[in-house]
């Protein structure tokens, strides 16, 4: 299922708690993952939308 959301939660590898991130345009999980990898230069990112 492809979900387009503006608000997503992510947790980087080794972190205990999740962080929220918001975008102006609705984005898919794949787009969010690419943006977070570009921001943090880390490949291990757990994301989910609510």
N, C-alpha and C. Protein backbone atom coordinates (compact mmCIF):
# COMPACT_ATOMS: atom_id res chain seq x y z
N UNK A 1 0.84 -1.18 0.00
CA UNK A 1 0.00 0.00 0.00
C UNK A 1 0.89 1.25 0.00
N UNK A 2 0.59 2.15 -0.88
CA UNK A 2 1.34 3.39 -0.96
C UNK A 2 0.55 4.48 -0.24
N UNK A 3 1.14 5.02 0.79
CA UNK A 3 0.49 6.08 1.56
C UNK A 3 1.23 7.39 1.33
N UNK A 4 0.48 8.42 1.04
CA UNK A 4 1.04 9.76 0.91
C UNK A 4 0.67 10.53 2.17
N UNK A 5 1.67 10.89 2.93
CA UNK A 5 1.44 11.60 4.19
C UNK A 5 2.38 12.79 4.29
N UNK A 6 1.98 13.76 5.08
CA UNK A 6 2.83 14.91 5.34
C UNK A 6 3.64 14.72 6.61
N UNK A 7 3.09 13.99 7.56
CA UNK A 7 3.75 13.78 8.85
C UNK A 7 4.24 12.34 8.95
N UNK A 8 5.51 12.19 9.26
CA UNK A 8 6.13 10.88 9.39
C UNK A 8 6.93 10.85 10.68
N UNK A 9 7.16 9.64 11.17
CA UNK A 9 8.02 9.43 12.32
C UNK A 9 9.22 8.61 11.86
N UNK A 10 10.37 8.88 12.42
CA UNK A 10 11.57 8.13 12.06
C UNK A 10 12.40 7.88 13.30
N UNK A 11 13.19 6.82 13.23
CA UNK A 11 14.15 6.50 14.29
C UNK A 11 15.41 6.01 13.63
N UNK A 12 16.51 6.67 13.95
CA UNK A 12 17.81 6.29 13.42
C UNK A 12 18.33 5.08 14.18
N UNK A 13 19.25 4.36 13.60
CA UNK A 13 19.83 3.18 14.24
C UNK A 13 20.43 3.55 15.58
N UNK A 14 20.09 2.79 16.61
CA UNK A 14 20.63 3.02 17.93
C UNK A 14 19.84 3.99 18.79
N UNK A 15 18.85 4.65 18.21
CA UNK A 15 18.04 5.58 19.00
C UNK A 15 16.89 4.85 19.66
N UNK A 16 16.53 5.28 20.85
CA UNK A 16 15.46 4.64 21.60
C UNK A 16 14.10 5.23 21.25
N UNK A 17 14.04 6.53 21.00
CA UNK A 17 12.78 7.20 20.76
C UNK A 17 12.69 7.70 19.32
N UNK A 18 11.47 7.84 18.85
CA UNK A 18 11.22 8.31 17.48
C UNK A 18 11.13 9.84 17.45
N UNK A 19 11.36 10.40 16.28
CA UNK A 19 11.25 11.83 16.03
C UNK A 19 10.22 12.04 14.93
N UNK A 20 9.53 13.15 14.98
CA UNK A 20 8.55 13.48 13.95
C UNK A 20 9.17 14.40 12.92
N UNK A 21 8.74 14.26 11.68
CA UNK A 21 9.17 15.14 10.61
C UNK A 21 7.95 15.44 9.75
N UNK A 22 7.82 16.68 9.31
CA UNK A 22 6.70 17.11 8.49
C UNK A 22 7.21 17.68 7.18
N UNK A 23 6.43 17.50 6.13
CA UNK A 23 6.77 18.01 4.81
C UNK A 23 5.62 18.87 4.30
N UNK A 24 5.92 19.81 3.42
CA UNK A 24 4.88 20.68 2.85
C UNK A 24 3.95 19.89 1.93
N UNK A 25 4.53 18.95 1.20
CA UNK A 25 3.76 18.13 0.26
C UNK A 25 3.66 16.71 0.80
N UNK A 26 2.55 16.01 0.56
CA UNK A 26 2.47 14.61 0.96
C UNK A 26 3.53 13.79 0.22
N UNK A 27 4.19 12.87 0.94
CA UNK A 27 5.26 12.07 0.38
C UNK A 27 5.04 10.60 0.70
N UNK A 28 5.57 9.73 -0.16
CA UNK A 28 5.52 8.30 0.10
C UNK A 28 6.66 7.93 1.04
N UNK A 29 6.60 6.72 1.59
CA UNK A 29 7.65 6.25 2.49
C UNK A 29 9.00 6.22 1.79
N UNK A 30 9.02 5.85 0.53
CA UNK A 30 10.27 5.79 -0.22
C UNK A 30 10.88 7.20 -0.35
N UNK A 31 10.07 8.19 -0.65
CA UNK A 31 10.55 9.56 -0.77
C UNK A 31 11.08 10.07 0.57
N UNK A 32 10.38 9.73 1.65
CA UNK A 32 10.81 10.15 2.99
C UNK A 32 12.14 9.50 3.34
N UNK A 33 12.28 8.22 3.05
CA UNK A 33 13.52 7.50 3.33
C UNK A 33 14.68 8.13 2.57
N UNK A 34 14.49 8.46 1.30
CA UNK A 34 15.55 9.10 0.51
C UNK A 34 15.92 10.46 1.09
N UNK A 35 14.93 11.24 1.51
CA UNK A 35 15.19 12.56 2.08
C UNK A 35 15.96 12.45 3.40
N UNK A 36 15.56 11.51 4.26
CA UNK A 36 16.26 11.33 5.54
C UNK A 36 17.68 10.81 5.33
N UNK A 37 17.88 9.92 4.36
CA UNK A 37 19.23 9.44 4.07
C UNK A 37 20.10 10.57 3.56
N UNK A 38 19.52 11.48 2.78
CA UNK A 38 20.27 12.63 2.29
C UNK A 38 20.61 13.57 3.45
N UNK A 39 19.68 13.76 4.39
CA UNK A 39 19.89 14.66 5.52
C UNK A 39 20.93 14.11 6.50
N UNK A 40 20.86 12.81 6.79
CA UNK A 40 21.69 12.23 7.84
C UNK A 40 22.84 11.37 7.32
N UNK A 41 22.87 11.06 6.05
CA UNK A 41 23.91 10.21 5.44
C UNK A 41 24.01 8.86 6.15
N UNK A 42 22.86 8.30 6.51
CA UNK A 42 22.77 7.01 7.19
C UNK A 42 21.82 6.12 6.41
N UNK A 43 22.17 4.85 6.27
CA UNK A 43 21.31 3.95 5.52
C UNK A 43 20.30 3.22 6.39
N UNK A 44 20.54 3.12 7.69
CA UNK A 44 19.65 2.38 8.58
C UNK A 44 18.67 3.33 9.26
N UNK A 45 17.49 3.48 8.64
CA UNK A 45 16.48 4.39 9.17
C UNK A 45 15.14 3.62 9.22
N UNK A 46 14.48 3.70 10.34
CA UNK A 46 13.16 3.09 10.50
C UNK A 46 12.13 4.23 10.41
N UNK A 47 11.15 4.10 9.49
CA UNK A 47 10.15 5.15 9.34
C UNK A 47 8.76 4.54 9.37
N UNK A 48 7.81 5.35 9.79
CA UNK A 48 6.40 4.94 9.70
C UNK A 48 5.53 6.19 9.74
N UNK A 49 4.35 6.10 9.16
CA UNK A 49 3.41 7.21 9.14
C UNK A 49 2.24 6.94 10.05
N UNK A 50 1.65 7.99 10.53
CA UNK A 50 0.48 7.87 11.41
C UNK A 50 -0.61 8.78 10.90
